[in-house]
Structures are given as structure tokens and as C-alpha cells.
Amino acid sequence: MQKEILYERIIEQLKELFEKSDDPVARMATISALLYHKIDYYFWCGFYLLKDDELIVGPYQGPLACLKLAHNKGVCWAGVREKKAIIVPDVHQFPDHIACDERSQSEIVVPVFKPDGSVYGVIDGDSDKPASFDETDARYLQIIAGLIFQK
């Protein structure tokens, strides 16, 4: 199935599910589960949330995650700092990459913004295959991130 069609179906499903709750944690848990189970190249999918200037793991699906990410290192922090999607075709080539699971080969991070425009955290996707993520993933993950605080 085409990636765009798959993401569009996931977004429609999320919108329907989100009518039942506007709680951001419930929505993040639902997003993690849908992406992880519906898109086969997600080896890990979840959220890291900015709390007291630290990135702490939030809802996720997949192998065990790092509970707290080293400050200002790795792909997630790059997404927070740059306030944009970060696509990493080969995590071994990314400076200061944080390997929570050595099987991770490629990664995508998309910031999640609060209604006031500040960074709340990031959606983080890992694949156990190189170059799994592209601009299509980034575009749709930005749409999905925008649903978390939507009323």
C-alpha cells in the first residue's frame, strides 16, 4: 500500500478515536500504537516529552526505551532545538546519536508543539533497517503531531 494512503487512513482513524478524549497522553499512546502496528518499518515508536529541560520517555510501543535522554545530544534533542523534523537514514552517521537499542538503524523525529507554540516533546520513530524514513513520513507525522492538542 502506498505510504500516503496508509498515513491518511491512520489520520482518519486517529481523528475518530480522538473524539472520545482530548487528553494528550491518551492521544500519544494511541498514536504510538497505531503507527507501530500499522506501518511495518517502525521498530520503535513513541514520544519523548520535555520536562524541566529534560527529555523523558512518554507513551511508546516497541523494545524498552531510554527513560531519560542525555541533555542536548542525539536526534530527539536536535528536533527540539531546531523545531523541525529530523530524518536520519543511518543513525551511525549522526553525531552524538543515543542508541537506546543497538538494533536501531534509521530514525525520524518530529517536534510536538503546545497550543502556545512552545515545544512539548517529540514523536520519535526508529527502524531496524537503514533509510526507512523520508519526507513523506515527516509531512504526515507533523499532521499527526498537530492532532495531539487539537480540540
N, C-alpha and C. Protein backbone atom coordinates (compact mmCIF):
# COMPACT_ATOMS: atom_id res chain seq x y z
N MET A 1 0.84 -1.18 0.00
CA MET A 1 0.00 0.00 0.00
C MET A 1 0.89 1.25 0.00
N GLN A 2 0.46 2.23 -0.75
CA GLN A 2 1.22 3.48 -0.79
C GLN A 2 1.29 4.11 0.57
N LYS A 3 2.46 4.64 0.90
CA LYS A 3 2.70 5.25 2.19
C LYS A 3 1.69 6.37 2.49
N GLU A 4 1.41 7.21 1.50
CA GLU A 4 0.49 8.33 1.70
C GLU A 4 -0.91 7.84 2.08
N ILE A 5 -1.38 6.82 1.38
CA ILE A 5 -2.71 6.27 1.64
C ILE A 5 -2.76 5.68 3.05
N LEU A 6 -1.71 4.99 3.43
CA LEU A 6 -1.65 4.39 4.77
C LEU A 6 -1.70 5.47 5.85
N TYR A 7 -0.91 6.51 5.70
CA TYR A 7 -0.93 7.60 6.69
C TYR A 7 -2.29 8.30 6.71
N GLU A 8 -2.89 8.50 5.56
CA GLU A 8 -4.20 9.16 5.52
C GLU A 8 -5.25 8.34 6.26
N ARG A 9 -5.19 7.03 6.10
CA ARG A 9 -6.11 6.15 6.83
C ARG A 9 -5.88 6.23 8.33
N ILE A 10 -4.61 6.25 8.72
CA ILE A 10 -4.26 6.35 10.14
C ILE A 10 -4.77 7.67 10.72
N ILE A 11 -4.60 8.76 9.98
CA ILE A 11 -5.06 10.07 10.45
C ILE A 11 -6.57 10.08 10.62
N GLU A 12 -7.30 9.51 9.68
CA GLU A 12 -8.76 9.45 9.81
C GLU A 12 -9.16 8.63 11.03
N GLN A 13 -8.48 7.52 11.25
CA GLN A 13 -8.76 6.69 12.41
C GLN A 13 -8.46 7.44 13.71
N LEU A 14 -7.34 8.17 13.73
CA LEU A 14 -6.99 8.94 14.92
C LEU A 14 -8.04 10.02 15.21
N LYS A 15 -8.47 10.72 14.17
CA LYS A 15 -9.48 11.77 14.37
C LYS A 15 -10.75 11.20 14.99
N GLU A 16 -11.15 10.04 14.52
CA GLU A 16 -12.34 9.40 15.06
C GLU A 16 -12.13 8.99 16.52
N LEU A 17 -10.98 8.38 16.81
CA LEU A 17 -10.69 7.95 18.18
C LEU A 17 -10.56 9.14 19.13
N PHE A 18 -9.99 10.24 18.63
CA PHE A 18 -9.73 11.41 19.48
C PHE A 18 -11.01 12.14 19.88
N GLU A 19 -12.14 11.82 19.24
CA GLU A 19 -13.41 12.40 19.65
C GLU A 19 -13.79 11.93 21.06
N LYS A 20 -13.22 10.81 21.48
CA LYS A 20 -13.55 10.23 22.78
C LYS A 20 -12.76 10.85 23.93
N SER A 21 -11.59 11.46 23.62
CA SER A 21 -10.76 12.04 24.67
C SER A 21 -9.82 13.09 24.08
N ASP A 22 -9.71 14.22 24.79
CA ASP A 22 -8.75 15.22 24.36
C ASP A 22 -7.49 15.20 25.24
N ASP A 23 -7.34 14.17 26.06
CA ASP A 23 -6.16 14.04 26.91
C ASP A 23 -4.92 13.77 26.06
N PRO A 24 -3.88 14.62 26.17
CA PRO A 24 -2.70 14.44 25.31
C PRO A 24 -1.98 13.10 25.51
N VAL A 25 -1.92 12.60 26.74
CA VAL A 25 -1.22 11.32 26.98
C VAL A 25 -1.99 10.18 26.33
N ALA A 26 -3.31 10.18 26.46
CA ALA A 26 -4.12 9.15 25.81
C ALA A 26 -3.95 9.21 24.30
N ARG A 27 -3.90 10.40 23.76
CA ARG A 27 -3.71 10.55 22.31
C ARG A 27 -2.33 10.08 21.88
N MET A 28 -1.30 10.40 22.65
CA MET A 28 0.05 9.94 22.30
C MET A 28 0.14 8.42 22.36
N ALA A 29 -0.48 7.81 23.35
CA ALA A 29 -0.47 6.35 23.45
C ALA A 29 -1.15 5.73 22.24
N THR A 30 -2.25 6.32 21.81
CA THR A 30 -2.99 5.81 20.65
C THR A 30 -2.17 5.98 19.37
N ILE A 31 -1.53 7.13 19.22
CA ILE A 31 -0.67 7.38 18.05
C ILE A 31 0.44 6.35 18.00
N SER A 32 1.12 6.13 19.13
CA SER A 32 2.23 5.17 19.17
C SER A 32 1.77 3.78 18.75
N ALA A 33 0.63 3.35 19.29
CA ALA A 33 0.12 2.02 18.99
C ALA A 33 -0.23 1.88 17.51
N LEU A 34 -0.93 2.88 16.97
CA LEU A 34 -1.34 2.79 15.56
C LEU A 34 -0.14 2.77 14.62
N LEU A 35 0.79 3.70 14.82
CA LEU A 35 1.95 3.75 13.92
C LEU A 35 2.77 2.46 14.01
N TYR A 36 3.00 2.00 15.23
CA TYR A 36 3.81 0.81 15.44
C TYR A 36 3.18 -0.44 14.81
N HIS A 37 1.87 -0.56 14.94
CA HIS A 37 1.21 -1.77 14.45
C HIS A 37 0.76 -1.70 13.00
N LYS A 38 0.65 -0.51 12.44
CA LYS A 38 0.14 -0.37 11.07
C LYS A 38 1.23 -0.14 10.03
N ILE A 39 2.40 0.34 10.45
CA ILE A 39 3.47 0.62 9.49
C ILE A 39 4.65 -0.28 9.83
N ASP A 40 4.94 -1.21 8.93
CA ASP A 40 5.85 -2.31 9.25
C ASP A 40 7.30 -1.91 9.49
N TYR A 41 7.73 -0.75 9.04
CA TYR A 41 9.14 -0.40 9.24
C TYR A 41 9.40 0.32 10.57
N TYR A 42 8.34 0.57 11.37
CA TYR A 42 8.56 1.13 12.71
C TYR A 42 8.97 -0.01 13.64
N PHE A 43 10.22 0.06 14.10
CA PHE A 43 10.76 -0.90 15.06
C PHE A 43 10.45 -0.42 16.49
N TRP A 44 10.38 0.90 16.64
CA TRP A 44 10.04 1.56 17.90
C TRP A 44 9.33 2.85 17.53
N CYS A 45 8.32 3.21 18.27
CA CYS A 45 7.59 4.44 18.00
C CYS A 45 7.05 5.00 19.31
N GLY A 46 7.34 6.26 19.57
CA GLY A 46 6.84 6.84 20.80
C GLY A 46 7.17 8.31 20.92
N PHE A 47 7.13 8.76 22.15
CA PHE A 47 7.29 10.18 22.45
C PHE A 47 8.34 10.38 23.52
N TYR A 48 9.08 11.46 23.38
CA TYR A 48 9.91 11.99 24.45
C TYR A 48 9.37 13.37 24.77
N LEU A 49 9.13 13.62 26.05
CA LEU A 49 8.47 14.84 26.49
C LEU A 49 9.45 15.73 27.24
N LEU A 50 9.40 17.01 26.93
CA LEU A 50 10.27 18.00 27.55
C LEU A 50 9.71 18.36 28.92
N LYS A 51 10.45 18.00 29.98
CA LYS A 51 10.03 18.29 31.36
C LYS A 51 11.23 18.82 32.12
N ASP A 52 11.10 20.03 32.62
CA ASP A 52 12.20 20.65 33.38
C ASP A 52 13.52 20.57 32.62
N ASP A 53 13.48 20.91 31.34
CA ASP A 53 14.66 20.94 30.48
C ASP A 53 15.33 19.56 30.33
N GLU A 54 14.51 18.51 30.43
CA GLU A 54 14.99 17.16 30.17
C GLU A 54 14.01 16.47 29.23
N LEU A 55 14.50 15.51 28.44
CA LEU A 55 13.62 14.71 27.60
C LEU A 55 13.40 13.37 28.28
N ILE A 56 12.14 13.15 28.69
CA ILE A 56 11.73 11.96 29.43
C ILE A 56 10.81 11.13 28.53
N VAL A 57 10.97 9.82 28.55
CA VAL A 57 10.15 8.96 27.70
C VAL A 57 8.67 9.11 28.07
N GLY A 58 7.84 9.13 27.04
CA GLY A 58 6.39 9.16 27.20
C GLY A 58 5.82 7.86 26.65
N PRO A 59 4.57 7.87 26.23
CA PRO A 59 3.96 6.66 25.68
C PRO A 59 4.75 6.15 24.46
N TYR A 60 4.92 4.83 24.40
CA TYR A 60 5.63 4.25 23.26
C TYR A 60 5.24 2.80 23.05
N GLN A 61 5.66 2.28 21.89
CA GLN A 61 5.49 0.86 21.54
C GLN A 61 6.84 0.37 21.02
N GLY A 62 7.19 -0.85 21.38
CA GLY A 62 8.44 -1.44 20.92
C GLY A 62 9.30 -1.86 22.09
N PRO A 63 10.59 -2.13 21.81
CA PRO A 63 11.51 -2.54 22.88
C PRO A 63 11.67 -1.45 23.93
N LEU A 64 12.26 -1.82 25.06
CA LEU A 64 12.49 -0.85 26.12
C LEU A 64 13.21 0.39 25.60
N ALA A 65 12.83 1.53 26.16
CA ALA A 65 13.39 2.81 25.73
C ALA A 65 14.30 3.37 26.82
N CYS A 66 15.13 4.33 26.43
CA CYS A 66 15.87 5.11 27.42
C CYS A 66 14.85 5.93 28.19
N LEU A 67 14.94 5.94 29.51
CA LEU A 67 13.98 6.69 30.31
C LEU A 67 14.20 8.19 30.21
N LYS A 68 15.48 8.57 30.13
CA LYS A 68 15.84 9.99 30.01
C LYS A 68 16.99 10.08 29.03
N LEU A 69 16.92 11.04 28.12
CA LEU A 69 17.97 11.19 27.11
C LEU A 69 19.03 12.18 27.59
N ALA A 70 20.28 11.85 27.32
CA ALA A 70 21.38 12.75 27.68
C ALA A 70 21.09 14.14 27.12
N HIS A 71 21.34 15.13 27.94
CA HIS A 71 20.98 16.51 27.59
C HIS A 71 21.71 17.00 26.34
N ASN A 72 20.92 17.52 25.41
CA ASN A 72 21.42 18.17 24.20
C ASN A 72 22.23 17.26 23.27
N LYS A 73 21.97 15.96 23.33
CA LYS A 73 22.64 15.01 22.44
C LYS A 73 21.59 14.21 21.69
N GLY A 74 21.94 13.76 20.51
CA GLY A 74 21.09 12.84 19.78
C GLY A 74 20.03 13.51 18.92
N VAL A 75 19.26 12.66 18.24
CA VAL A 75 18.29 13.09 17.25
C VAL A 75 17.10 13.81 17.90
N CYS A 76 16.62 13.30 19.02
CA CYS A 76 15.46 13.93 19.68
C CYS A 76 15.77 15.36 20.09
N TRP A 77 16.92 15.57 20.70
CA TRP A 77 17.30 16.93 21.09
C TRP A 77 17.48 17.82 19.87
N ALA A 78 17.98 17.27 18.77
CA ALA A 78 18.10 18.06 17.54
C ALA A 78 16.72 18.54 17.09
N GLY A 79 15.72 17.68 17.17
CA GLY A 79 14.35 18.05 16.81
C GLY A 79 13.81 19.15 17.70
N VAL A 80 14.13 19.08 19.00
CA VAL A 80 13.69 20.11 19.95
C VAL A 80 14.39 21.43 19.63
N ARG A 81 15.71 21.38 19.46
CA ARG A 81 16.49 22.61 19.21
C ARG A 81 16.10 23.29 17.90
N GLU A 82 15.98 22.48 16.85
CA GLU A 82 15.74 23.04 15.51
C GLU A 82 14.26 23.25 15.22
N LYS A 83 13.39 22.68 16.07
CA LYS A 83 11.94 22.82 15.92
C LYS A 83 11.46 22.41 14.53
N LYS A 84 12.04 21.31 14.05
CA LYS A 84 11.65 20.78 12.75
C LYS A 84 11.91 19.28 12.72
N ALA A 85 11.36 18.63 11.70
CA ALA A 85 11.58 17.19 11.53
C ALA A 85 13.05 16.91 11.22
N ILE A 86 13.56 15.85 11.81
CA ILE A 86 14.92 15.39 11.57
C ILE A 86 14.82 13.96 11.04
N ILE A 87 15.34 13.74 9.84
CA ILE A 87 15.34 12.41 9.23
C ILE A 87 16.78 11.91 9.19
N VAL A 88 17.01 10.74 9.76
CA VAL A 88 18.36 10.18 9.84
C VAL A 88 18.37 8.81 9.14
N PRO A 89 18.89 8.75 7.90
CA PRO A 89 18.92 7.48 7.17
C PRO A 89 19.82 6.42 7.81
N ASP A 90 20.90 6.88 8.49
CA ASP A 90 21.85 5.96 9.13
C ASP A 90 22.25 6.56 10.48
N VAL A 91 21.71 6.00 11.56
CA VAL A 91 21.97 6.57 12.88
C VAL A 91 23.45 6.53 13.26
N HIS A 92 24.21 5.63 12.65
CA HIS A 92 25.63 5.52 12.97
C HIS A 92 26.42 6.71 12.43
N GLN A 93 25.81 7.46 11.53
CA GLN A 93 26.46 8.64 10.96
C GLN A 93 26.02 9.93 11.64
N PHE A 94 25.10 9.84 12.60
CA PHE A 94 24.59 11.05 13.26
C PHE A 94 25.43 11.33 14.50
N PRO A 95 26.00 12.54 14.58
CA PRO A 95 26.84 12.87 15.75
C PRO A 95 26.05 12.76 17.06
N ASP A 96 26.64 12.17 18.06
CA ASP A 96 26.04 12.03 19.39
C ASP A 96 24.75 11.22 19.39
N HIS A 97 24.56 10.33 18.41
CA HIS A 97 23.35 9.50 18.41
C HIS A 97 23.28 8.72 19.72
N ILE A 98 22.08 8.67 20.29
CA ILE A 98 21.86 7.92 21.53
C ILE A 98 21.21 6.59 21.14
N ALA A 99 21.93 5.51 21.35
CA ALA A 99 21.44 4.19 20.97
C ALA A 99 20.75 3.54 22.17
N CYS A 100 19.43 3.71 22.26
CA CYS A 100 18.68 3.03 23.32
C CYS A 100 18.56 1.55 23.01
N ASP A 101 18.60 1.21 21.72
CA ASP A 101 18.58 -0.18 21.28
C ASP A 101 19.53 -0.29 20.10
N GLU A 102 20.50 -1.16 20.20
CA GLU A 102 21.55 -1.26 19.17
C GLU A 102 21.02 -1.72 17.81
N ARG A 103 19.80 -2.25 17.78
CA ARG A 103 19.24 -2.69 16.50
C ARG A 103 18.73 -1.53 15.64
N SER A 104 18.58 -0.36 16.24
CA SER A 104 18.09 0.80 15.50
C SER A 104 19.09 1.19 14.40
N GLN A 105 18.57 1.38 13.18
CA GLN A 105 19.41 1.73 12.04
C GLN A 105 19.09 3.10 11.44
N SER A 106 17.81 3.48 11.47
CA SER A 106 17.39 4.79 10.96
C SER A 106 16.34 5.36 11.90
N GLU A 107 16.14 6.69 11.81
CA GLU A 107 15.28 7.35 12.80
C GLU A 107 14.65 8.59 12.19
N ILE A 108 13.48 8.93 12.73
CA ILE A 108 12.83 10.19 12.40
C ILE A 108 12.31 10.80 13.70
N VAL A 109 12.45 12.11 13.81
CA VAL A 109 11.95 12.84 14.96
C VAL A 109 11.16 14.04 14.46
N VAL A 110 9.98 14.25 15.03
CA VAL A 110 9.13 15.39 14.66
C VAL A 110 8.70 16.07 15.95
N PRO A 111 8.93 17.39 16.06
CA PRO A 111 8.51 18.08 17.29
C PRO A 111 7.00 18.13 17.45
N VAL A 112 6.58 18.12 18.71
CA VAL A 112 5.17 18.30 19.07
C VAL A 112 5.09 19.66 19.76
N PHE A 113 4.20 20.51 19.25
CA PHE A 113 4.07 21.85 19.79
C PHE A 113 2.81 21.99 20.63
N LYS A 114 2.91 22.70 21.74
CA LYS A 114 1.75 23.06 22.55
C LYS A 114 0.95 24.12 21.79
N PRO A 115 -0.28 24.37 22.22
CA PRO A 115 -1.07 25.41 21.56
C PRO A 115 -0.40 26.79 21.55
N ASP A 116 0.47 27.07 22.55
CA ASP A 116 1.14 28.37 22.59
C ASP A 116 2.38 28.43 21.69
N GLY A 117 2.67 27.33 20.98
CA GLY A 117 3.79 27.29 20.05
C GLY A 117 5.10 26.80 20.64
N SER A 118 5.13 26.56 21.95
CA SER A 118 6.36 26.04 22.56
C SER A 118 6.44 24.52 22.32
N VAL A 119 7.66 23.99 22.41
CA VAL A 119 7.87 22.56 22.18
C VAL A 119 7.45 21.77 23.42
N TYR A 120 6.58 20.79 23.20
CA TYR A 120 6.09 19.91 24.26
C TYR A 120 6.95 18.65 24.34
N GLY A 121 7.45 18.22 23.19
CA GLY A 121 8.23 17.00 23.10
C GLY A 121 8.40 16.62 21.64
N VAL A 122 8.67 15.35 21.39
CA VAL A 122 8.85 14.88 20.02
C VAL A 122 8.20 13.52 19.83
N ILE A 123 7.75 13.28 18.59
CA ILE A 123 7.43 11.92 18.15
C ILE A 123 8.75 11.37 17.64
N ASP A 124 9.09 10.17 18.08
CA ASP A 124 10.35 9.54 17.69
C ASP A 124 10.03 8.18 17.08
N GLY A 125 10.50 7.96 15.87
CA GLY A 125 10.32 6.67 15.21
C GLY A 125 11.68 6.07 14.87
N ASP A 126 11.86 4.80 15.17
CA ASP A 126 13.10 4.09 14.84
C ASP A 126 12.76 2.90 13.96
N SER A 127 13.70 2.57 13.08
CA SER A 127 13.57 1.38 12.24
C SER A 127 14.83 0.53 12.39
N ASP A 128 14.65 -0.77 12.26
CA ASP A 128 15.82 -1.65 12.30
C ASP A 128 16.41 -1.85 10.91
N LYS A 129 15.97 -1.02 9.96
CA LYS A 129 16.53 -1.04 8.60
C LYS A 129 17.01 0.37 8.25
N PRO A 130 18.07 0.48 7.47
CA PRO A 130 18.56 1.81 7.08
C PRO A 130 17.57 2.53 6.16
N ALA A 131 17.58 3.85 6.22
CA ALA A 131 16.85 4.72 5.29
C ALA A 131 15.36 4.39 5.18
N SER A 132 14.72 4.10 6.31
CA SER A 132 13.29 3.76 6.28
C SER A 132 12.39 4.99 6.17
N PHE A 133 12.85 6.14 6.65
CA PHE A 133 12.00 7.32 6.75
C PHE A 133 12.38 8.37 5.71
N ASP A 134 11.35 9.12 5.26
CA ASP A 134 11.60 10.15 4.25
C ASP A 134 10.69 11.35 4.50
N GLU A 135 10.66 12.26 3.55
CA GLU A 135 9.87 13.49 3.69
C GLU A 135 8.37 13.19 3.81
N THR A 136 7.91 12.11 3.22
CA THR A 136 6.50 11.73 3.34
C THR A 136 6.18 11.41 4.79
N ASP A 137 7.03 10.63 5.44
CA ASP A 137 6.84 10.33 6.87
C ASP A 137 6.84 11.63 7.67
N ALA A 138 7.77 12.50 7.40
CA ALA A 138 7.88 13.76 8.13
C ALA A 138 6.61 14.59 7.98
N ARG A 139 6.13 14.71 6.76
CA ARG A 139 4.93 15.52 6.49
C ARG A 139 3.72 14.97 7.27
N TYR A 140 3.51 13.67 7.21
CA TYR A 140 2.35 13.08 7.88
C TYR A 140 2.52 13.05 9.40
N LEU A 141 3.73 12.85 9.88
CA LEU A 141 3.94 12.88 11.33
C LEU A 141 3.71 14.29 11.88
N GLN A 142 4.01 15.31 11.09
CA GLN A 142 3.72 16.69 11.53
C GLN A 142 2.21 16.90 11.65
N ILE A 143 1.47 16.34 10.72
CA ILE A 143 -0.01 16.42 10.80
C ILE A 143 -0.50 15.69 12.05
N ILE A 144 0.04 14.50 12.27
CA ILE A 144 -0.36 13.70 13.42
C ILE A 144 0.00 14.41 14.72
N ALA A 145 1.20 14.99 14.79
CA ALA A 145 1.61 15.74 15.99
C ALA A 145 0.64 16.88 16.26
N GLY A 146 0.14 17.51 15.22
CA GLY A 146 -0.79 18.61 15.36
C GLY A 146 -2.14 18.20 15.92
N LEU A 147 -2.45 16.91 15.88
CA LEU A 147 -3.73 16.43 16.40
C LEU A 147 -3.73 16.28 17.92
N ILE A 148 -2.56 16.22 18.54
CA ILE A 148 -2.47 15.91 19.96
C ILE A 148 -3.20 16.94 20.82
N PHE A 149 -3.07 18.21 20.48
CA PHE A 149 -3.71 19.26 21.29
C PHE A 149 -4.93 19.87 20.59
N GLN A 150 -5.31 19.30 19.47
CA GLN A 150 -6.47 19.84 18.74
C GLN A 150 -7.76 19.52 19.48
N LYS A 151 -8.62 20.50 19.58
CA LYS A 151 -9.90 20.31 20.27
C LYS A 151 -10.93 19.71 19.33
